[in-house]
């Protein structure tokens, strides 16, 4: 019997939605490890991404634009997560 991938098991999910949720999860996990101001910025970003995720339609690309501060915050959090 052939093993099914996660896409075959849940066809309504696609790569874009999946990766967006991975990003949200990663940021949320990191949101308690920094000072108060950084935690606040992460929480605001996570809420915005959850909003975008909720409005995404299955199997449709949605371009998400990030401000330069948001990009540097994401980069900072993810590098910190990978280094720990």
Protein backbone atom coordinates (compact mmCIF):
# COMPACT_ATOMS: atom_id res chain seq x y z
CA UNK A 1 0.00 0.00 0.00
CA UNK A 2 1.31 3.40 -0.99
CA UNK A 3 1.82 5.92 1.80
CA UNK A 4 -0.20 9.12 1.44
CA UNK A 5 1.34 12.55 1.85
CA UNK A 6 -0.21 15.23 4.03
CA UNK A 7 -1.60 16.92 0.91
CA UNK A 8 -3.45 13.81 -0.11
CA UNK A 9 -4.82 13.39 3.38
CA UNK A 10 -5.99 17.00 3.59
CA UNK A 11 -6.48 18.28 0.04
CA UNK A 12 -8.04 21.54 1.22
CA UNK A 13 -4.65 22.62 2.57
CA UNK A 14 -1.94 23.77 0.23
CA UNK A 15 1.69 24.73 0.57
CA UNK A 16 1.11 28.45 1.06
CA UNK A 17 -1.36 27.94 3.86
CA UNK A 18 0.86 25.31 5.47
CA UNK A 19 4.01 27.46 5.38
CA UNK A 20 2.14 30.48 6.67
CA UNK A 21 0.95 28.44 9.64
CA UNK A 22 4.46 27.14 10.25
CA UNK A 23 5.67 30.74 10.36
CA UNK A 24 2.87 31.71 12.75
CA UNK A 25 3.66 28.76 15.00
CA UNK A 26 7.37 29.52 15.05
CA UNK A 27 6.84 33.17 15.88
CA UNK A 28 4.31 32.34 18.56
CA UNK A 29 6.71 29.89 20.21
CA UNK A 30 9.39 32.55 20.27
CA UNK A 31 7.14 35.36 21.47
CA UNK A 32 7.90 34.79 25.17
CA UNK A 33 11.68 34.75 24.93
CA UNK A 34 12.41 38.44 24.44
CA UNK A 35 11.92 41.76 26.14
CA UNK A 36 8.49 43.34 26.42
CA UNK A 37 8.74 45.53 23.33
CA UNK A 38 9.91 42.71 21.06
CA UNK A 39 7.23 40.38 22.42
CA UNK A 40 4.61 43.02 21.66
CA UNK A 41 5.86 43.39 18.07
CA UNK A 42 5.84 39.62 17.59
CA UNK A 43 2.30 39.36 18.94
CA UNK A 44 1.07 42.10 16.59
CA UNK A 45 2.71 40.35 13.64
CA UNK A 46 1.29 36.96 14.63
CA UNK A 47 -2.21 38.41 14.89
CA UNK A 48 -1.88 39.97 11.44
CA UNK A 49 -0.67 36.68 9.96
CA UNK A 50 -3.50 34.74 11.61
CA UNK A 51 -5.95 37.21 10.09
CA UNK A 52 -4.41 36.66 6.66
CA UNK A 53 -4.43 32.90 7.18
CA UNK A 54 -8.13 32.93 8.08
CA UNK A 55 -9.04 34.78 4.90
CA UNK A 56 -6.96 32.61 2.57
CA UNK A 57 -8.85 30.46 0.10
CA UNK A 58 -7.70 26.88 -0.48
CA UNK A 59 -5.21 26.36 -3.31
CA UNK A 60 -4.89 30.08 -4.01
CA UNK A 61 -1.71 32.10 -3.81
CA UNK A 62 -1.88 35.23 -1.74
CA UNK A 63 0.94 37.70 -1.80
CA UNK A 64 1.85 38.81 1.70
CA UNK A 65 3.90 41.96 1.96
CA UNK A 66 6.03 42.65 5.01
CA UNK A 67 7.37 45.94 6.23
CA UNK A 68 11.17 46.09 6.63
CA UNK A 69 10.79 46.00 10.44
CA UNK A 70 8.62 42.89 10.19
CA UNK A 71 11.12 41.15 7.94
CA UNK A 72 13.98 41.85 10.31
CA UNK A 73 11.85 40.68 13.26
CA UNK A 74 11.00 37.42 11.47
CA UNK A 75 14.64 36.88 10.53
CA UNK A 76 15.77 37.61 14.08
CA UNK A 77 13.24 35.23 15.66
CA UNK A 78 13.82 32.39 13.25
CA UNK A 79 17.60 32.59 13.52
CA UNK A 80 17.30 32.60 17.28
CA UNK A 81 14.99 29.58 17.11
CA UNK A 82 17.40 27.67 14.85
CA UNK A 83 20.39 28.45 17.06
CA UNK A 84 18.75 27.12 20.21
